[in-house]
């Protein structure tokens, strides 16, 4: 996949979302029976190309999806009977998710690609005490046959 996109997304999140303590490529770090080798909250990034159209001259119009997998350690009780401060602390993860969205929605990587847009987001069902959210952003770009980046659409 595209190294420039990966680095741009990592750098953007590092700058705009200081709450994240670990930003890395998705390598299955959370899928272990032991404590994951990350600092929390963490953001793991994966890129896929669900749609590629080949045009004249070997150029391709790429629709890229950026999966942002954000994990938090359990923050405490969120029920309506919990003390206000406990509940606010437990829901801080939602503030971090909002900051990630503010950083990525309509961002174009300095004209590296067309502006990103969120497609969907959902929590994972887990039994290990981690709260993990998967959020998918999509953007498009042109790549020439030599795999070098050209201009965004």
C-alpha atoms as a PDB file:
ATOM      1  CA  UNK A   1       0.000   0.000   0.000  1.00  0.00           C
ATOM      2  CA  UNK A   2       1.053   3.624  -0.032  1.00  0.00           C
ATOM      3  CA  UNK A   3       3.827   4.544   2.405  1.00  0.00           C
ATOM      4  CA  UNK A   4       3.272   8.289   1.915  1.00  0.00           C
ATOM      5  CA  UNK A   5      -0.359   8.011   3.006  1.00  0.00           C
ATOM      6  CA  UNK A   6       0.552   5.929   6.056  1.00  0.00           C
ATOM      7  CA  UNK A   7       3.243   8.368   7.209  1.00  0.00           C
ATOM      8  CA  UNK A   8       0.979  11.383   6.585  1.00  0.00           C
ATOM      9  CA  UNK A   9      -1.859   9.887   8.662  1.00  0.00           C
ATOM     10  CA  UNK A  10       0.499   8.920  11.510  1.00  0.00           C
ATOM     11  CA  UNK A  11       2.091  12.370  11.565  1.00  0.00           C
ATOM     12  CA  UNK A  12      -1.301  14.085  11.470  1.00  0.00           C
ATOM     13  CA  UNK A  13      -2.604  12.070  14.406  1.00  0.00           C
ATOM     14  CA  UNK A  14       0.607  12.576  16.387  1.00  0.00           C
ATOM     15  CA  UNK A  15       0.317  16.341  15.948  1.00  0.00           C
ATOM     16  CA  UNK A  16      -3.443  16.792  16.303  1.00  0.00           C
ATOM     17  CA  UNK A  17      -4.352  14.152  18.904  1.00  0.00           C
ATOM     18  CA  UNK A  18      -1.773  14.303  21.702  1.00  0.00           C
ATOM     19  CA  UNK A  19      -3.980  12.019  23.842  1.00  0.00           C
ATOM     20  CA  UNK A  20      -2.801   9.067  21.709  1.00  0.00           C
ATOM     21  CA  UNK A  21       0.210   7.407  23.330  1.00  0.00           C
ATOM     22  CA  UNK A  22       0.899   4.872  20.572  1.00  0.00           C
ATOM     23  CA  UNK A  23       0.364   5.265  16.808  1.00  0.00           C
ATOM     24  CA  UNK A  24       1.471   2.378  14.605  1.00  0.00           C
ATOM     25  CA  UNK A  25       0.631   0.052  11.739  1.00  0.00           C
ATOM     26  CA  UNK A  26      -2.041  -2.548  12.478  1.00  0.00           C
ATOM     27  CA  UNK A  27      -0.093  -5.783  12.957  1.00  0.00           C
ATOM     28  CA  UNK A  28      -2.513  -7.651  15.211  1.00  0.00           C
ATOM     29  CA  UNK A  29      -1.035  -6.148  18.380  1.00  0.00           C
ATOM     30  CA  UNK A  30      -4.372  -6.336  20.223  1.00  0.00           C
ATOM     31  CA  UNK A  31      -5.051  -9.947  19.250  1.00  0.00           C
ATOM     32  CA  UNK A  32      -3.021 -11.610  21.960  1.00  0.00           C
ATOM     33  CA  UNK A  33      -3.782 -13.479  25.148  1.00  0.00           C
ATOM     34  CA  UNK A  34      -1.213 -11.343  26.967  1.00  0.00           C
ATOM     35  CA  UNK A  35      -1.041  -7.635  27.577  1.00  0.00           C
ATOM     36  CA  UNK A  36      -0.695  -5.978  24.149  1.00  0.00           C
ATOM     37  CA  UNK A  37       2.716  -4.423  23.428  1.00  0.00           C
ATOM     38  CA  UNK A  38       1.311  -0.900  23.028  1.00  0.00           C
ATOM     39  CA  UNK A  39       0.711   2.151  25.220  1.00  0.00           C
ATOM     40  CA  UNK A  40      -2.917   3.163  25.724  1.00  0.00           C
ATOM     41  CA  UNK A  41      -4.750   4.815  24.208  1.00  0.00           C
ATOM     42  CA  UNK A  42      -3.362   3.517  20.956  1.00  0.00           C
ATOM     43  CA  UNK A  43      -4.256   3.986  17.319  1.00  0.00           C
ATOM     44  CA  UNK A  44      -3.431   1.243  14.817  1.00  0.00           C
ATOM     45  CA  UNK A  45      -3.666   2.090  11.120  1.00  0.00           C
ATOM     46  CA  UNK A  46      -4.242  -0.111   8.101  1.00  0.00           C
ATOM     47  CA  UNK A  47      -4.746   0.868   4.456  1.00  0.00           C
ATOM     48  CA  UNK A  48      -6.669  -1.034   1.801  1.00  0.00           C
ATOM     49  CA  UNK A  49      -7.564  -0.332  -1.823  1.00  0.00           C
ATOM     50  CA  UNK A  50     -11.123  -1.652  -2.284  1.00  0.00           C
ATOM     51  CA  UNK A  51     -11.444  -0.079  -5.731  1.00  0.00           C
ATOM     52  CA  UNK A  52      -8.845   0.574  -8.442  1.00  0.00           C
ATOM     53  CA  UNK A  53      -9.683   1.780 -11.963  1.00  0.00           C
ATOM     54  CA  UNK A  54      -7.009   1.626 -14.652  1.00  0.00           C
ATOM     55  CA  UNK A  55      -6.968   4.501 -17.140  1.00  0.00           C
ATOM     56  CA  UNK A  56      -4.876   5.398 -20.190  1.00  0.00           C
ATOM     57  CA  UNK A  57      -1.130   5.392 -19.752  1.00  0.00           C
ATOM     58  CA  UNK A  58      -1.246   2.919 -16.884  1.00  0.00           C
ATOM     59  CA  UNK A  59      -2.580   5.484 -14.414  1.00  0.00           C
ATOM     60  CA  UNK A  60      -4.910   4.198 -11.748  1.00  0.00           C
ATOM     61  CA  UNK A  61      -7.636   5.976  -9.861  1.00  0.00           C
ATOM     62  CA  UNK A  62      -7.391   4.462  -6.375  1.00  0.00           C
ATOM     63  CA  UNK A  63     -10.096   4.530  -3.742  1.00  0.00           C
ATOM     64  CA  UNK A  64      -8.203   3.978  -0.506  1.00  0.00           C
ATOM     65  CA  UNK A  65      -9.721   3.121   2.847  1.00  0.00           C
ATOM     66  CA  UNK A  66      -7.852   3.967   6.021  1.00  0.00           C
ATOM     67  CA  UNK A  67      -8.841   1.806   9.000  1.00  0.00           C
ATOM     68  CA  UNK A  68      -8.183   3.555  12.289  1.00  0.00           C
ATOM     69  CA  UNK A  69      -8.423   1.076  15.148  1.00  0.00           C
ATOM     70  CA  UNK A  70      -8.389   2.915  18.467  1.00  0.00           C
ATOM     71  CA  UNK A  71      -8.003   1.016  21.751  1.00  0.00           C
ATOM     72  CA  UNK A  72      -8.476   2.143  25.337  1.00  0.00           C
ATOM     73  CA  UNK A  73      -8.047   0.375  28.643  1.00  0.00           C
ATOM     74  CA  UNK A  74     -11.241   0.217  30.666  1.00  0.00           C
ATOM     75  CA  UNK A  75     -11.911   3.651  32.108  1.00  0.00           C
ATOM     76  CA  UNK A  76     -14.458   2.834  34.783  1.00  0.00           C
ATOM     77  CA  UNK A  77     -18.201   2.943  35.143  1.00  0.00           C
ATOM     78  CA  UNK A  78     -20.382   4.718  32.578  1.00  0.00           C
ATOM     79  CA  UNK A  79     -23.782   3.899  34.062  1.00  0.00           C
ATOM     80  CA  UNK A  80     -26.224   6.666  34.932  1.00  0.00           C
ATOM     81  CA  UNK A  81     -25.834   6.009  38.674  1.00  0.00           C
ATOM     82  CA  UNK A  82     -22.043   6.476  38.622  1.00  0.00           C
ATOM     83  CA  UNK A  83     -20.654   9.667  40.181  1.00  0.00           C
ATOM     84  CA  UNK A  84     -20.276  12.433  37.597  1.00  0.00           C
ATOM     85  CA  UNK A  85     -16.456  12.525  37.742  1.00  0.00           C
ATOM     86  CA  UNK A  86     -16.173   8.737  37.402  1.00  0.00           C
ATOM     87  CA  UNK A  87     -18.510   8.772  34.429  1.00  0.00           C
ATOM     88  CA  UNK A  88     -16.694  11.682  32.751  1.00  0.00           C
ATOM     89  CA  UNK A  89     -13.360   9.891  33.202  1.00  0.00           C
ATOM     90  CA  UNK A  90     -14.766   6.680  31.733  1.00  0.00           C
ATOM     91  CA  UNK A  91     -16.135   8.525  28.705  1.00  0.00           C
ATOM     92  CA  UNK A  92     -12.906  10.397  27.904  1.00  0.00           C
ATOM     93  CA  UNK A  93     -12.333   7.877  25.128  1.00  0.00           C
ATOM     94  CA  UNK A  94     -15.155   9.546  23.202  1.00  0.00           C
ATOM     95  CA  UNK A  95     -13.326  12.876  23.390  1.00  0.00           C
ATOM     96  CA  UNK A  96     -10.273  11.196  21.853  1.00  0.00           C
ATOM     97  CA  UNK A  97     -12.405   9.695  19.080  1.00  0.00           C
ATOM     98  CA  UNK A  98     -13.840  13.157  18.380  1.00  0.00           C
ATOM     99  CA  UNK A  99     -10.318  14.636  18.147  1.00  0.00           C
ATOM    100  CA  UNK A 100      -9.303  11.894  15.680  1.00  0.00           C
ATOM    101  CA  UNK A 101     -12.340  12.698  13.565  1.00  0.00           C
ATOM    102  CA  UNK A 102     -11.580  16.430  13.647  1.00  0.00           C
ATOM    103  CA  UNK A 103      -8.023  15.658  12.509  1.00  0.00           C
ATOM    104  CA  UNK A 104      -8.976  13.377   9.610  1.00  0.00           C
ATOM    105  CA  UNK A 105     -12.393  14.437   8.282  1.00  0.00           C
ATOM    106  CA  UNK A 106     -11.910  16.533   5.098  1.00  0.00           C
ATOM    107  CA  UNK A 107      -8.115  16.536   5.542  1.00  0.00           C
ATOM    108  CA  UNK A 108      -6.216  16.021   2.263  1.00  0.00           C
ATOM    109  CA  UNK A 109      -2.679  15.331   3.441  1.00  0.00           C
ATOM    110  CA  UNK A 110      -1.346  18.550   1.932  1.00  0.00           C
ATOM    111  CA  UNK A 111      -2.873  17.644  -1.481  1.00  0.00           C
ATOM    112  CA  UNK A 112      -1.491  14.119  -1.316  1.00  0.00           C
ATOM    113  CA  UNK A 113      -5.029  12.810  -1.902  1.00  0.00           C
ATOM    114  CA  UNK A 114      -8.629  14.011  -2.061  1.00  0.00           C
ATOM    115  CA  UNK A 115     -10.130  14.974   1.304  1.00  0.00           C
ATOM    116  CA  UNK A 116     -10.825  12.060   3.606  1.00  0.00           C
ATOM    117  CA  UNK A 117     -14.343  11.263   4.710  1.00  0.00           C
ATOM    118  CA  UNK A 118     -15.580   8.940   7.390  1.00  0.00           C
ATOM    119  CA  UNK A 119     -17.550   5.959   6.056  1.00  0.00           C
ATOM    120  CA  UNK A 120     -18.382   4.157   9.286  1.00  0.00           C
ATOM    121  CA  UNK A 121     -17.323   3.484  12.839  1.00  0.00           C
ATOM    122  CA  UNK A 122     -18.185   0.737  15.294  1.00  0.00           C
ATOM    123  CA  UNK A 123     -16.998  -0.673  18.615  1.00  0.00           C
ATOM    124  CA  UNK A 124     -15.641  -4.205  18.810  1.00  0.00           C
ATOM    125  CA  UNK A 125     -17.153  -6.759  21.168  1.00  0.00           C
ATOM    126  CA  UNK A 126     -14.278  -7.931  23.367  1.00  0.00           C
ATOM    127  CA  UNK A 127     -13.913  -9.929  26.576  1.00  0.00           C
ATOM    128  CA  UNK A 128     -10.409  -8.713  27.506  1.00  0.00           C
ATOM    129  CA  UNK A 129     -11.346  -5.398  29.140  1.00  0.00           C
ATOM    130  CA  UNK A 130     -10.212  -3.247  26.211  1.00  0.00           C
ATOM    131  CA  UNK A 131     -12.578  -0.862  24.490  1.00  0.00           C
ATOM    132  CA  UNK A 132     -11.727  -0.856  20.783  1.00  0.00           C
ATOM    133  CA  UNK A 133     -13.300   1.215  18.024  1.00  0.00           C
ATOM    134  CA  UNK A 134     -12.866   0.666  14.282  1.00  0.00           C
ATOM    135  CA  UNK A 135     -13.351   3.754  12.158  1.00  0.00           C
ATOM    136  CA  UNK A 136     -13.002   3.704   8.364  1.00  0.00           C
ATOM    137  CA  UNK A 137     -12.098   6.784   6.339  1.00  0.00           C
ATOM    138  CA  UNK A 138     -12.002   6.869   2.549  1.00  0.00           C
ATOM    139  CA  UNK A 139     -10.112   9.023   0.073  1.00  0.00           C
ATOM    140  CA  UNK A 140      -9.010   8.799  -3.538  1.00  0.00           C
ATOM    141  CA  UNK A 141      -5.845   9.525  -5.473  1.00  0.00           C
ATOM    142  CA  UNK A 142      -4.129   8.895  -8.803  1.00  0.00           C
ATOM    143  CA  UNK A 143      -1.108   6.613  -9.053  1.00  0.00           C
ATOM    144  CA  UNK A 144       0.952   6.187 -12.223  1.00  0.00           C
ATOM    145  CA  UNK A 145       2.261   2.862 -13.482  1.00  0.00           C
ATOM    146  CA  UNK A 146       5.599   3.601 -11.779  1.00  0.00           C
ATOM    147  CA  UNK A 147       3.713   3.658  -8.407  1.00  0.00           C
ATOM    148  CA  UNK A 148       4.699   7.256  -7.766  1.00  0.00           C
ATOM    149  CA  UNK A 149       2.063   9.629  -6.502  1.00  0.00           C
ATOM    150  CA  UNK A 150       0.632  12.059  -8.976  1.00  0.00           C
ATOM    151  CA  UNK A 151      -2.102  14.555  -8.221  1.00  0.00           C
ATOM    152  CA  UNK A 152      -5.217  14.033  -6.231  1.00  0.00           C
ATOM    153  CA  UNK A 153      -8.517  13.809  -8.062  1.00  0.00           C
END
